[in-house]
Amino acid sequence: MKKKQWQGWGPGEQAEQHYLVEPRALAGGGNVRHISEFLRASGWRDKSKAGGPLHLESPDRTVRVSYDPYVLPGGWTIHGQANGNQAEWWATLGRQAPVEIVAGLTDALTRPRSAHAPNVWAPLEEQHWQARADGGHYTATSPDGSAWMQFHHDPNGRAMWWSGAKDRQGNGWNAQFTPSTPMHLVQAFSTALASPEPVMRPRGRVPHSAQIRTTSVSVLPSQLSAWQQARITAARAATWARNSVRTTRPRTTARPHAYTGGARTHR
């Protein structure tokens, strides 16, 4: 049997220069598809209009994720409708919030809640963020001072959360969470915010800041595609597993009728 010679990654494929950027909080917005493709693969509906802002809706229609770069200041809005014991809630994140950090929150929307009580501060403490109390405010700051997470009680005793990052030139972003935002989502956000892992940006998309550190790497387009596809595949697998559990769970009461409507169209 003849041995075939390895022909490389494909005809004409050339490596592209990218940069690993740290701290991640100052890496700039990144590719919105990191979030949108994951949510679509998790069964979310795309309600966007051609050429307009991004609008995605959860399968149960109780949560919407929007990204609008066409207005000032622009950025992300995550809105949860009142649902059972959960009051209506909002979270907003600026346009320069890295998609990897925003995804900490939006990815968590696709997963069941943990049985453990959420602790927003735990991920920050694990990464040695410095905490201080100032009057009614409690603030944790990253070791390099570029990112923060802040908490205080409003006059009604409800928890208010702010976060963000800023370099010495004043470039950065802010995030706000309403008092009713589920705490497990705020913890998912703080976990992504505090992660020491760098994030990747292509050449020309690295912010000009004296506070960031970059490592140049050569990446093949097929490698980038494979990494993106792995994330999408993981979302589809998790969605399939959850749906399988629902459909195989024994029913305690019989349904009198079953709807067998026509095929749905997809965008």
Protein backbone atom coordinates (compact mmCIF):
# COMPACT_ATOMS: atom_id res chain seq x y z
CA MET A 1 0.00 0.00 0.00
CA LYS A 2 1.42 3.38 -1.02
CA LYS A 3 1.96 6.05 1.55
CA LYS A 4 0.28 9.33 0.68
CA GLN A 5 2.35 12.40 1.28
CA TRP A 6 0.83 15.04 3.56
CA GLN A 7 -0.06 18.00 1.39
CA GLY A 8 -0.44 20.59 4.14
CA TRP A 9 -3.53 22.52 5.13
CA GLY A 10 -4.85 23.07 1.66
CA PRO A 11 -3.89 24.77 -1.59
CA GLY A 12 -2.99 28.39 -1.11
CA GLU A 13 -3.80 28.51 2.60
CA GLN A 14 -1.53 30.94 4.40
CA ALA A 15 -1.12 31.67 8.07
CA GLU A 16 -2.53 34.96 9.31
CA GLN A 17 -1.09 37.09 12.08
CA HIS A 18 -3.14 37.30 15.24
CA TYR A 19 -2.37 38.49 18.74
CA LEU A 20 -3.06 37.06 22.16
CA VAL A 21 -4.12 40.05 24.25
CA GLU A 22 -4.03 40.42 28.02
CA PRO A 23 -5.59 41.57 30.21
CA ARG A 24 -8.67 40.40 28.38
CA ALA A 25 -10.82 43.23 29.76
CA LEU A 26 -8.90 45.72 27.58
CA ALA A 27 -8.87 43.63 24.38
CA GLY A 28 -11.74 45.47 22.66
CA GLY A 29 -15.07 44.13 21.49
CA GLY A 30 -14.06 41.28 19.18
CA ASN A 31 -16.23 39.26 16.80
CA VAL A 32 -19.94 39.39 17.66
CA ARG A 33 -20.43 35.96 16.05
CA HIS A 34 -18.63 34.44 19.06
CA ILE A 35 -21.89 35.07 20.91
CA SER A 36 -24.53 34.97 18.18
CA GLU A 37 -23.46 31.67 16.59
CA PHE A 38 -23.36 29.96 20.00
CA LEU A 39 -26.88 31.13 20.85
CA ARG A 40 -28.23 30.07 17.46
CA ALA A 41 -26.65 26.64 17.94
CA SER A 42 -28.36 26.52 21.34
CA GLY A 43 -31.77 26.89 19.74
CA TRP A 44 -32.21 30.66 20.03
CA ARG A 45 -34.25 32.41 17.34
CA ASP A 46 -32.68 35.13 15.21
CA LYS A 47 -35.06 38.11 15.17
CA SER A 48 -32.60 40.49 13.48
CA LYS A 49 -33.59 42.56 10.47
CA ALA A 50 -31.26 42.67 7.47
CA GLY A 51 -28.59 45.32 7.98
CA GLY A 52 -29.90 46.17 11.45
CA PRO A 53 -28.95 45.42 15.04
CA LEU A 54 -28.60 41.85 16.29
CA HIS A 55 -31.65 40.48 18.13
CA LEU A 56 -31.80 36.92 19.45
CA GLU A 57 -34.62 35.35 21.46
CA SER A 58 -34.43 32.36 23.80
CA PRO A 59 -36.40 29.19 22.91
CA ASP A 60 -38.97 29.95 25.63
CA ARG A 61 -39.17 33.61 24.49
CA THR A 62 -38.42 34.98 27.96
CA VAL A 63 -34.94 36.41 27.27
CA ARG A 64 -33.63 38.63 24.48
CA VAL A 65 -30.00 39.41 23.64
CA SER A 66 -29.40 42.50 21.48
CA TYR A 67 -26.31 44.19 20.10
CA ASP A 68 -26.62 47.62 18.50
CA PRO A 69 -23.43 49.30 17.22
CA TYR A 70 -25.37 51.96 15.29
CA VAL A 71 -26.32 54.19 18.22
CA LEU A 72 -24.29 55.96 20.89
CA PRO A 73 -22.99 54.63 23.17
CA GLY A 74 -24.18 51.32 21.66
CA GLY A 75 -23.44 47.85 22.90
CA TRP A 76 -25.19 44.85 24.41
CA THR A 77 -28.59 44.64 26.10
CA ILE A 78 -29.80 41.44 27.73
CA HIS A 79 -33.44 41.57 28.82
CA GLY A 80 -35.30 38.94 30.80
CA GLN A 81 -39.09 39.05 31.10
CA ALA A 82 -40.87 38.38 34.35
CA ASN A 83 -41.28 34.62 34.62
CA GLY A 84 -42.76 32.87 37.64
CA ASN A 85 -40.88 34.04 40.73
CA GLN A 86 -38.29 35.83 38.59
CA ALA A 87 -38.89 39.56 38.16
CA GLU A 88 -38.08 41.38 34.93
CA TRP A 89 -34.37 42.17 34.63
CA TRP A 90 -31.80 43.91 32.43
CA ALA A 91 -28.06 43.89 31.88
CA THR A 92 -26.24 46.35 29.63
CA LEU A 93 -22.62 46.18 28.48
CA GLY A 94 -20.69 48.72 26.43
CA ARG A 95 -19.64 48.19 22.83
CA GLN A 96 -15.98 47.65 23.80
CA ALA A 97 -16.81 44.90 26.28
CA PRO A 98 -14.89 41.84 24.95
CA VAL A 99 -17.22 39.24 23.49
CA GLU A 100 -15.47 36.56 25.56
CA ILE A 101 -16.59 38.36 28.74
CA VAL A 102 -20.11 39.06 27.47
CA ALA A 103 -20.32 35.37 26.54
CA GLY A 104 -19.72 34.46 30.16
CA LEU A 105 -23.21 35.80 30.81
CA THR A 106 -24.93 34.85 27.54
CA ASP A 107 -23.56 31.29 27.51
CA ALA A 108 -24.95 30.85 31.04
CA LEU A 109 -28.42 31.67 29.69
CA THR A 110 -28.33 28.39 27.75
CA ARG A 111 -27.45 26.19 30.75
CA PRO A 112 -29.51 25.00 33.74
CA ARG A 113 -28.83 26.81 36.99
CA SER A 114 -26.42 25.20 39.41
CA ALA A 115 -27.85 23.88 42.65
CA HIS A 116 -25.15 25.81 44.53
CA ALA A 117 -25.83 29.32 45.76
CA PRO A 118 -24.08 31.84 43.47
CA ASN A 119 -21.10 33.82 44.78
CA VAL A 120 -20.14 36.75 42.55
CA TRP A 121 -16.98 37.52 44.52
CA ALA A 122 -15.47 34.02 44.54
CA PRO A 123 -13.99 34.14 40.98
CA LEU A 124 -12.47 37.55 41.75
CA GLU A 125 -10.91 36.38 45.01
CA GLU A 126 -9.44 33.34 43.24
CA GLN A 127 -7.62 35.68 40.84
CA HIS A 128 -6.37 37.91 43.70
CA TRP A 129 -8.52 40.93 43.00
CA GLN A 130 -8.22 43.61 45.71
CA ALA A 131 -11.43 44.31 47.62
CA ARG A 132 -12.29 47.40 49.62
CA ALA A 133 -15.34 48.88 51.32
CA ASP A 134 -16.12 52.59 50.88
CA GLY A 135 -19.24 53.73 52.64
CA GLY A 136 -22.10 51.68 51.24
CA HIS A 137 -20.04 50.50 48.26
CA TYR A 138 -17.99 47.35 48.02
CA THR A 139 -15.47 47.24 45.15
CA ALA A 140 -13.08 44.58 43.83
CA THR A 141 -10.30 45.71 41.48
CA SER A 142 -8.09 43.58 39.24
CA PRO A 143 -4.39 43.30 40.21
CA ASP A 144 -3.36 45.73 37.43
CA GLY A 145 -6.15 48.17 38.32
CA SER A 146 -7.76 48.10 34.85
CA ALA A 147 -11.03 46.32 35.70
CA TRP A 148 -13.47 46.45 38.59
CA MET A 149 -16.67 45.01 40.02
CA GLN A 150 -18.76 47.13 42.37
CA PHE A 151 -21.76 46.47 44.60
CA HIS A 152 -24.04 48.42 46.90
CA HIS A 153 -27.58 48.31 48.25
CA ASP A 154 -30.13 50.81 46.97
CA PRO A 155 -32.50 52.59 49.42
CA ASN A 156 -34.87 49.62 49.19
CA GLY A 157 -32.12 47.17 50.16
CA ARG A 158 -31.77 45.70 46.68
CA ALA A 159 -28.33 44.71 45.35
CA MET A 160 -26.94 46.97 42.61
CA TRP A 161 -23.98 45.84 40.48
CA TRP A 162 -21.62 47.74 38.18
CA SER A 163 -18.50 46.63 36.39
CA GLY A 164 -16.15 47.68 33.64
CA ALA A 165 -12.59 48.31 32.54
CA LYS A 166 -10.57 51.37 31.54
CA ASP A 167 -6.98 52.06 30.55
CA ARG A 168 -4.95 55.15 31.49
CA GLN A 169 -6.06 56.90 28.29
CA GLY A 170 -9.69 56.58 29.36
CA ASN A 171 -10.66 53.92 26.81
CA GLY A 172 -12.90 51.18 28.10
CA TRP A 173 -16.44 50.03 28.80
CA ASN A 174 -19.05 49.72 31.54
CA ALA A 175 -21.61 47.11 32.52
CA GLN A 176 -24.71 47.51 34.67
CA PHE A 177 -27.11 44.94 36.13
CA THR A 178 -30.56 45.64 37.53
CA PRO A 179 -31.22 44.49 41.11
CA SER A 180 -33.43 41.68 39.77
CA THR A 181 -30.71 40.20 37.50
CA PRO A 182 -30.28 36.54 38.55
CA MET A 183 -27.14 36.22 40.66
CA HIS A 184 -25.91 33.12 38.86
CA LEU A 185 -25.68 35.24 35.69
CA VAL A 186 -23.74 37.97 37.48
CA GLN A 187 -21.37 35.30 38.79
CA ALA A 188 -20.95 33.87 35.27
CA PHE A 189 -20.02 37.37 34.12
CA SER A 190 -17.52 37.90 36.96
CA THR A 191 -15.92 34.54 36.21
CA ALA A 192 -15.30 35.53 32.59
CA LEU A 193 -14.16 39.01 33.64
CA ALA A 194 -11.57 37.69 36.09
CA SER A 195 -10.22 34.91 33.87
CA PRO A 196 -6.45 35.26 33.34
CA GLU A 197 -6.68 33.64 29.89
CA PRO A 198 -5.74 36.01 27.04
CA VAL A 199 -8.11 36.49 24.12
CA MET A 200 -7.22 36.49 20.43
CA ARG A 201 -7.57 39.43 18.08
CA PRO A 202 -6.59 39.71 14.40
CA ARG A 203 -4.03 42.20 13.20
CA GLY A 204 -5.52 45.67 13.03
CA ARG A 205 -8.07 44.92 15.77
CA VAL A 206 -5.79 45.31 18.78
CA PRO A 207 -6.53 48.45 20.82
CA HIS A 208 -3.79 51.04 21.17
CA SER A 209 -3.12 50.95 24.90
CA ALA A 210 0.06 51.00 26.94
CA GLN A 211 -1.59 48.70 29.46
CA ILE A 212 -2.08 45.66 27.25
CA ARG A 213 0.43 42.91 26.55
CA THR A 214 0.40 41.09 23.23
CA THR A 215 1.91 37.88 21.92
CA SER A 216 2.08 37.47 18.14
CA VAL A 217 0.86 34.11 16.80
CA SER A 218 0.43 32.72 13.28
CA VAL A 219 -2.92 31.04 12.74
CA LEU A 220 -4.24 29.20 9.70
CA PRO A 221 -7.79 30.05 8.58
CA SER A 222 -8.70 26.36 8.91
CA GLN A 223 -7.54 26.41 12.53
CA LEU A 224 -9.71 29.42 13.31
CA SER A 225 -12.64 27.75 11.63
CA ALA A 226 -12.08 24.53 13.59
CA TRP A 227 -11.97 26.39 16.91
CA GLN A 228 -15.16 28.28 16.10
CA GLN A 229 -16.88 25.10 14.95
CA ALA A 230 -15.90 23.27 18.15
CA ARG A 231 -17.73 25.91 20.19
CA ILE A 232 -20.82 25.63 17.99
CA THR A 233 -20.73 21.83 18.10
CA ALA A 234 -20.55 21.90 21.90
CA ALA A 235 -23.63 24.15 22.01
CA ARG A 236 -25.57 21.85 19.69
CA ALA A 237 -24.59 18.77 21.69
CA ALA A 238 -25.67 20.35 24.97
CA THR A 239 -28.98 21.45 23.44
CA TRP A 240 -29.62 17.99 22.03
CA ALA A 241 -28.87 16.40 25.41
CA ARG A 242 -31.28 18.73 27.24
CA ASN A 243 -34.04 18.16 24.69
CA SER A 244 -33.51 14.40 24.86
CA VAL A 245 -33.97 14.42 28.63
CA ARG A 246 -37.23 16.36 28.24
CA THR A 247 -38.65 14.05 25.58
CA THR A 248 -37.70 10.83 27.38
CA ARG A 249 -38.91 11.93 30.82
CA PRO A 250 -42.01 9.88 31.73
CA ARG A 251 -45.25 11.85 31.88
CA THR A 252 -47.47 11.63 34.95
CA THR A 253 -50.57 12.71 32.99
CA ALA A 254 -51.59 11.90 29.46
CA ARG A 255 -52.06 14.68 26.94
CA PRO A 256 -55.46 14.53 25.21
CA HIS A 257 -54.16 15.97 21.93
CA ALA A 258 -50.82 16.26 20.19
CA TYR A 259 -50.13 19.05 17.73
CA THR A 260 -48.34 17.97 14.57
CA GLY A 261 -48.04 21.29 12.78
CA GLY A 262 -46.15 21.86 9.54
CA ALA A 263 -42.45 22.39 9.09
CA ARG A 264 -40.92 25.62 10.37
CA THR A 265 -38.76 27.80 8.19
CA HIS A 266 -35.31 28.86 9.31
CA ARG A 267 -33.28 31.89 8.41
